[in-house]
């Protein structure tokens, strides 16, 4: 999606430099006689932001670490969290914000790495609509999916940016119809992921640069890797090996984005390589926040965890009092 501003992205040198420091994660035996089976449930259908995993699998990095990794499509963070909590998979990918809410309700899971650390939720509008800054949204119609993460974050975005919601017409739509509602002109804007949602709309009709919530005072941690607390306690070595291999895959993607697109598409022929390439171009912007920039792929800053918790408490009804250590552990990045 050529309209996205990539200026905030992490440099390839930064990600490659992070790969050089892999030994910080700890040294483990890579040549076990029998590969350990590891089932990974994704958060959603495969996309560019999953490329590090697919490259690591395709190039044998997991096998080099003694792991036989299976990557399975997901049906949303909530579903993956439930499956992991029930012991159906070894590791999973889910929104760390959704994970925070789940752990506050007693679900025994813990985050171990962050992938999409800059929230991709944004306001998406068609080019020519004149919707370029928050105040432009007043007097317009908003296609809102009830209960959706993006809608809840829009409420926070609106409050922080002092929007008068009485001047914005909210039109309830279902998730499947949200993109077509915008394309057809039924609503003036929607709240959705800048990519791939914005990418898909842009392929049909040009869009304005997505109005990223993270650029306007609201950022919650996005997709991360997590495990059940039981797995984190009993198999720390396996998790370290998995992260070592994935970081190596991420370094390869940073050096050769086309290889990342190829790895995802070859493993999932139903994906569109053109869309994947557009997503890949935008990907660096989402991998780190200002507080985790320059760190290893997957490393999460405590400050970002604190902000995520605060937003979840205020806008998502999460019980008050959760601490960063309740939802995430950085132990697998320790020396």
Protein backbone atom coordinates (compact mmCIF):
# COMPACT_ATOMS: atom_id res chain seq x y z
CA UNK A 1 0.00 0.00 0.00
CA UNK A 2 2.04 2.89 -1.31
CA UNK A 3 0.12 5.49 0.68
CA UNK A 4 1.46 4.34 4.03
CA UNK A 5 4.25 6.43 5.51
CA UNK A 6 7.09 4.05 6.38
CA UNK A 7 9.35 6.63 7.99
CA UNK A 8 8.87 5.21 11.48
CA UNK A 9 9.95 1.69 10.49
CA UNK A 10 12.84 -0.12 12.08
CA UNK A 11 15.87 -0.20 9.80
CA UNK A 12 17.09 -3.42 8.27
CA UNK A 13 20.44 -2.74 9.90
CA UNK A 14 18.71 -2.58 13.27
CA UNK A 15 17.03 -5.93 12.83
CA UNK A 16 20.13 -7.52 11.42
CA UNK A 17 22.16 -6.08 14.23
CA UNK A 18 19.76 -7.63 16.67
CA UNK A 19 20.36 -11.00 15.08
CA UNK A 20 24.06 -10.72 15.84
CA UNK A 21 23.22 -10.63 19.54
CA UNK A 22 21.33 -13.91 19.46
CA UNK A 23 23.56 -15.53 22.09
CA UNK A 24 21.90 -13.26 24.67
CA UNK A 25 18.98 -15.65 24.54
CA UNK A 26 21.09 -18.48 25.81
CA UNK A 27 22.82 -21.41 24.17
CA UNK A 28 20.97 -24.68 23.74
CA UNK A 29 21.72 -27.95 22.02
CA UNK A 30 20.64 -27.86 18.38
CA UNK A 31 21.29 -31.45 17.51
CA UNK A 32 18.89 -33.56 19.51
CA UNK A 33 18.50 -37.07 18.15
CA UNK A 34 14.73 -36.64 17.91
CA UNK A 35 13.05 -33.41 16.93
CA UNK A 36 10.64 -32.03 19.50
CA UNK A 37 7.19 -31.45 18.01
CA UNK A 38 5.93 -27.90 18.46
CA UNK A 39 2.44 -26.90 17.35
CA UNK A 40 2.00 -23.15 16.68
CA UNK A 41 -1.51 -21.73 16.31
CA UNK A 42 -1.43 -18.36 14.53
CA UNK A 43 -3.72 -15.50 15.45
CA UNK A 44 -5.23 -15.29 12.00
CA UNK A 45 -4.67 -16.25 8.38
CA UNK A 46 -1.02 -16.00 7.30
CA UNK A 47 0.27 -12.55 6.40
CA UNK A 48 3.52 -10.69 6.02
CA UNK A 49 3.87 -10.24 9.78
CA UNK A 50 4.11 -14.04 10.11
CA UNK A 51 6.97 -14.20 7.62
CA UNK A 52 9.75 -14.70 10.19
CA UNK A 53 8.11 -17.95 11.28
CA UNK A 54 7.59 -19.25 7.75
CA UNK A 55 11.15 -18.39 6.73
CA UNK A 56 12.54 -20.09 9.85
CA UNK A 57 10.55 -23.21 9.02
CA UNK A 58 11.35 -23.22 5.28
CA UNK A 59 15.07 -22.75 5.85
CA UNK A 60 15.35 -25.39 8.54
CA UNK A 61 16.17 -23.02 11.41
CA UNK A 62 13.69 -24.72 13.72
CA UNK A 63 15.10 -28.13 12.85
CA UNK A 64 18.58 -26.81 13.50
CA UNK A 65 17.34 -26.08 17.04
CA UNK A 66 15.85 -29.55 17.45
CA UNK A 67 12.25 -28.52 16.76
CA UNK A 68 9.65 -29.91 14.38
CA UNK A 69 7.37 -26.88 14.05
CA UNK A 70 3.85 -26.98 12.61
CA UNK A 71 2.25 -23.62 11.74
CA UNK A 72 -1.54 -23.62 11.83
CA UNK A 73 -3.95 -20.89 10.72
CA UNK A 74 -5.90 -19.07 13.41
CA UNK A 75 -9.39 -17.64 13.73
CA UNK A 76 -8.68 -14.66 15.94
CA UNK A 77 -6.78 -14.01 19.15
CA UNK A 78 -9.63 -15.13 21.38
CA UNK A 79 -9.87 -18.52 19.75
CA UNK A 80 -6.10 -19.09 19.89
CA UNK A 81 -5.97 -18.08 23.56
CA UNK A 82 -8.69 -20.60 24.39
CA UNK A 83 -6.97 -23.39 22.45
CA UNK A 84 -3.63 -22.80 24.19
CA UNK A 85 -5.21 -22.55 27.61
CA UNK A 86 -6.88 -25.90 26.97
CA UNK A 87 -3.51 -27.47 26.10
CA UNK A 88 -4.26 -28.05 22.41
CA UNK A 89 -1.08 -26.41 21.10
CA UNK A 90 2.45 -25.69 22.27
CA UNK A 91 2.67 -21.97 21.45
CA UNK A 92 0.33 -19.41 19.95
CA UNK A 93 0.12 -15.94 18.45
CA UNK A 94 -2.42 -13.45 19.74
CA UNK A 95 -2.85 -9.79 20.48
CA UNK A 96 -0.98 -9.07 23.71
CA UNK A 97 -3.83 -6.70 24.54
CA UNK A 98 -6.32 -9.55 24.27
CA UNK A 99 -3.94 -11.71 26.29
CA UNK A 100 -3.87 -9.08 29.05
CA UNK A 101 -7.64 -9.16 29.25
CA UNK A 102 -7.65 -12.96 29.30
CA UNK A 103 -5.08 -13.22 32.08
CA UNK A 104 -7.07 -10.72 34.15
CA UNK A 105 -9.90 -13.24 34.00
CA UNK A 106 -7.70 -16.09 35.15
CA UNK A 107 -6.74 -17.67 31.83
CA UNK A 108 -3.33 -19.33 32.50
CA UNK A 109 -1.27 -17.90 29.64
CA UNK A 110 1.79 -15.65 29.44
CA UNK A 111 3.33 -13.59 26.61
CA UNK A 112 6.92 -14.43 25.67
CA UNK A 113 7.64 -12.14 22.68
CA UNK A 114 6.08 -9.27 20.74
CA UNK A 115 5.79 -9.22 16.94
CA UNK A 116 3.39 -6.42 15.96
CA UNK A 117 4.29 -4.00 18.74
CA UNK A 118 2.94 -0.82 17.17
CA UNK A 119 -0.83 -1.19 17.01
CA UNK A 120 -2.05 -1.45 13.38
CA UNK A 121 -5.53 -0.13 14.21
CA UNK A 122 -6.31 3.08 12.37
CA UNK A 123 -8.96 5.21 10.69
CA UNK A 124 -9.26 4.22 7.03
CA UNK A 125 -10.94 6.54 4.53
CA UNK A 126 -11.03 6.97 0.78
CA UNK A 127 -8.75 9.40 -1.02
CA UNK A 128 -10.49 12.67 -1.69
CA UNK A 129 -12.64 12.49 1.43
CA UNK A 130 -10.52 15.12 3.17
CA UNK A 131 -10.15 12.98 6.30
CA UNK A 132 -6.51 13.60 7.13
CA UNK A 133 -6.53 14.43 10.85
CA UNK A 134 -8.78 13.52 13.81
CA UNK A 135 -10.94 16.67 13.80
CA UNK A 136 -11.82 16.01 10.15
CA UNK A 137 -13.93 13.06 11.30
CA UNK A 138 -16.56 15.26 12.90
CA UNK A 139 -19.63 15.54 10.71
CA UNK A 140 -18.85 12.22 9.00
CA UNK A 141 -20.29 8.69 9.22
CA UNK A 142 -18.36 5.89 10.89
CA UNK A 143 -18.79 2.19 10.07
CA UNK A 144 -18.44 0.53 13.49
CA UNK A 145 -18.30 -3.20 14.22
CA UNK A 146 -19.85 -3.69 17.69
CA UNK A 147 -17.38 -5.17 20.19
CA UNK A 148 -14.46 -5.07 17.77
CA UNK A 149 -11.01 -4.23 19.14
CA UNK A 150 -10.58 -1.44 16.59
CA UNK A 151 -13.90 0.14 17.58
CA UNK A 152 -12.98 0.14 21.26
CA UNK A 153 -9.62 1.68 20.46
CA UNK A 154 -11.37 4.28 18.31
CA UNK A 155 -13.32 5.33 21.41
CA UNK A 156 -10.00 5.86 23.20
CA UNK A 157 -8.57 7.68 20.17
CA UNK A 158 -11.63 9.94 20.06
CA UNK A 159 -11.35 10.81 23.76
CA UNK A 160 -7.63 11.53 23.67
CA UNK A 161 -8.04 13.72 20.59
CA UNK A 162 -11.12 15.48 21.99
CA UNK A 163 -13.53 14.51 19.22
CA UNK A 164 -17.19 15.42 19.67
CA UNK A 165 -18.84 12.03 19.15
CA UNK A 166 -22.27 13.69 18.90
CA UNK A 167 -21.05 15.03 15.55
CA UNK A 168 -20.05 11.61 14.23
CA UNK A 169 -22.77 9.31 12.91
CA UNK A 170 -22.07 5.74 14.01
CA UNK A 171 -23.39 3.08 11.63
CA UNK A 172 -23.33 -0.48 12.98
CA UNK A 173 -21.95 -2.97 10.46
CA UNK A 174 -20.61 -6.51 10.69
CA UNK A 175 -16.94 -7.30 10.21
CA UNK A 176 -17.44 -9.01 6.84
CA UNK A 177 -19.16 -5.91 5.42
CA UNK A 178 -16.86 -3.27 6.86
CA UNK A 179 -14.51 -2.93 3.88
CA UNK A 180 -17.24 -3.03 1.26
CA UNK A 181 -19.25 -0.44 3.21
CA UNK A 182 -16.35 1.97 2.88
CA UNK A 183 -15.67 1.15 -0.78
CA UNK A 184 -19.35 1.56 -1.66
CA UNK A 185 -19.58 4.91 0.11
CA UNK A 186 -22.10 3.74 2.70
CA UNK A 187 -19.83 5.20 5.41
CA UNK A 188 -17.09 7.81 5.33
CA UNK A 189 -14.56 5.91 7.39
CA UNK A 190 -13.96 2.71 9.33
CA UNK A 191 -11.62 1.69 12.15
CA UNK A 192 -9.51 -1.27 11.03
CA UNK A 193 -5.94 -2.46 10.55
CA UNK A 194 -3.88 -0.21 8.29
CA UNK A 195 -2.62 -3.41 6.74
CA UNK A 196 -4.01 -5.76 5.55
CA UNK A 197 -7.46 -4.08 5.72
CA UNK A 198 -6.28 -0.77 4.32
CA UNK A 199 -4.24 -2.63 1.71
CA UNK A 200 -7.32 -4.50 0.52
CA UNK A 201 -9.40 -1.33 0.22
CA UNK A 202 -6.57 0.48 -1.58
CA UNK A 203 -6.48 -2.31 -4.17
CA UNK A 204 -10.04 -1.37 -5.12
CA UNK A 205 -10.12 2.38 -4.47
CA UNK A 206 -7.24 4.65 -3.38
CA UNK A 207 -7.24 5.55 0.31
CA UNK A 208 -5.83 8.35 2.41
CA UNK A 209 -2.77 7.53 4.54
CA UNK A 210 -4.28 5.51 7.42
CA UNK A 211 -4.75 7.63 10.53
CA UNK A 212 -2.78 5.43 12.94
CA UNK A 213 -4.05 5.47 16.51
CA UNK A 214 -0.47 4.95 17.69
CA UNK A 215 0.46 8.28 16.08
CA UNK A 216 -2.25 10.05 18.07
CA UNK A 217 -1.63 8.95 21.64
CA UNK A 218 -3.14 5.45 21.67
CA UNK A 219 -0.98 2.36 21.32
CA UNK A 220 -1.61 -1.11 22.62
CA UNK A 221 0.73 -3.99 21.94
CA UNK A 222 -0.39 -6.06 18.97
CA UNK A 223 0.35 -9.64 18.01
CA UNK A 224 2.82 -11.53 20.16
CA UNK A 225 3.92 -15.07 20.93
CA UNK A 226 2.54 -16.67 24.07
CA UNK A 227 2.46 -19.98 25.91
CA UNK A 228 0.43 -21.54 28.64
CA UNK A 229 1.99 -20.85 32.04
CA UNK A 230 2.56 -24.56 32.41
CA UNK A 231 4.58 -24.71 29.17
CA UNK A 232 6.58 -21.60 30.09
CA UNK A 233 7.49 -23.19 33.42
CA UNK A 234 8.25 -26.70 32.20
CA UNK A 235 9.75 -26.05 28.74
CA UNK A 236 11.79 -22.84 28.89
CA UNK A 237 14.57 -24.36 26.79
CA UNK A 238 12.13 -25.17 23.98
CA UNK A 239 10.80 -21.60 23.99
CA UNK A 240 14.34 -20.18 23.86
CA UNK A 241 15.19 -22.41 20.89
CA UNK A 242 11.99 -21.39 19.13
CA UNK A 243 12.77 -17.70 19.61
CA UNK A 244 16.37 -18.11 18.47
CA UNK A 245 15.23 -19.67 15.21
CA UNK A 246 12.44 -17.13 14.69
CA UNK A 247 14.81 -14.19 15.23
CA UNK A 248 17.11 -15.67 12.61
CA UNK A 249 14.13 -15.89 10.26
CA UNK A 250 13.27 -12.24 10.99
CA UNK A 251 16.82 -11.17 10.15
CA UNK A 252 16.54 -12.97 6.81
CA UNK A 253 13.25 -11.20 6.08
CA UNK A 254 14.77 -7.81 6.91
CA UNK A 255 17.65 -8.53 4.55
CA UNK A 256 15.45 -9.97 1.79
CA UNK A 257 11.73 -9.08 2.11
CA UNK A 258 10.94 -10.95 -1.12
CA UNK A 259 12.10 -14.17 0.55
CA UNK A 260 9.59 -13.53 3.32
CA UNK A 261 6.78 -13.08 0.81
CA UNK A 262 7.83 -16.27 -0.98
CA UNK A 263 7.96 -18.32 2.22
CA UNK A 264 4.45 -17.28 3.30
CA UNK A 265 2.99 -17.80 -0.18
CA UNK A 266 4.67 -21.16 -0.81
CA UNK A 267 3.32 -22.51 2.46
CA UNK A 268 -0.09 -20.91 1.83
CA UNK A 269 -0.85 -20.83 -1.92
CA UNK A 270 -4.20 -19.14 -1.27
CA UNK A 271 -2.41 -15.91 -0.30
CA UNK A 272 -1.90 -13.17 -2.88
CA UNK A 273 1.83 -12.45 -3.29
CA UNK A 274 1.10 -8.91 -4.49
CA UNK A 275 -0.83 -8.12 -1.32
CA UNK A 276 1.86 -9.81 0.76
CA UNK A 277 4.52 -7.64 -0.88
CA UNK A 278 2.58 -4.48 -0.01
CA UNK A 279 2.14 -5.68 3.57
CA UNK A 280 5.85 -6.51 3.72
CA UNK A 281 6.81 -2.99 2.68
CA UNK A 282 4.79 -1.60 5.59
CA UNK A 283 5.86 -4.23 8.12
CA UNK A 284 8.96 -2.55 9.64
CA UNK A 285 6.80 0.25 11.04
CA UNK A 286 4.92 -2.18 13.27
CA UNK A 287 7.71 -4.37 14.61
CA UNK A 288 8.83 -2.02 17.39
CA UNK A 289 7.65 0.97 19.36
CA UNK A 290 9.85 3.93 20.23
CA UNK A 291 10.68 2.19 23.52
CA UNK A 292 11.72 -1.14 21.99
CA UNK A 293 13.46 0.23 18.89
CA UNK A 294 16.93 -1.20 18.36
CA UNK A 295 16.28 -4.24 20.53
CA UNK A 296 15.98 -7.86 19.46
CA UNK A 297 13.04 -8.85 17.32
CA UNK A 298 10.35 -9.77 19.82
CA UNK A 299 11.77 -7.84 22.80
CA UNK A 300 9.04 -5.90 24.63
CA UNK A 301 9.51 -2.73 26.71
CA UNK A 302 7.91 -2.57 30.16
CA UNK A 303 6.65 0.95 29.38
CA UNK A 304 4.57 -0.43 26.49
CA UNK A 305 3.12 -3.12 28.74
CA UNK A 306 2.13 -0.49 31.29
CA UNK A 307 0.40 1.63 28.64
CA UNK A 308 -1.41 -1.40 27.24
CA UNK A 309 -2.67 -2.32 30.70
CA UNK A 310 -3.87 1.25 31.34
CA UNK A 311 -5.84 1.33 28.07
CA UNK A 312 -7.32 -2.10 28.71
CA UNK A 313 -8.46 -1.03 32.17
CA UNK A 314 -10.08 2.19 31.00
CA UNK A 315 -11.68 1.16 27.73
CA UNK A 316 -11.99 -2.63 27.80
CA UNK A 317 -13.17 -3.21 31.36
CA UNK A 318 -10.10 -5.13 32.48
CA UNK A 319 -9.90 -5.44 36.24
CA UNK A 320 -7.64 -2.88 37.82
CA UNK A 321 -4.32 -3.88 39.32
CA UNK A 322 -2.69 -6.06 36.67
CA UNK A 323 1.12 -5.75 36.44
CA UNK A 324 3.41 -6.26 33.41
CA UNK A 325 4.71 -9.51 34.92
CA UNK A 326 1.15 -10.83 35.04
CA UNK A 327 0.87 -10.81 31.26
CA UNK A 328 4.41 -11.03 29.91
CA UNK A 329 7.80 -12.46 30.82
CA UNK A 330 11.08 -11.27 29.36
CA UNK A 331 12.99 -14.23 30.81
CA UNK A 332 13.63 -15.75 27.36
CA UNK A 333 15.59 -12.67 26.33
CA UNK A 334 17.76 -12.67 29.45
CA UNK A 335 21.49 -13.38 29.19
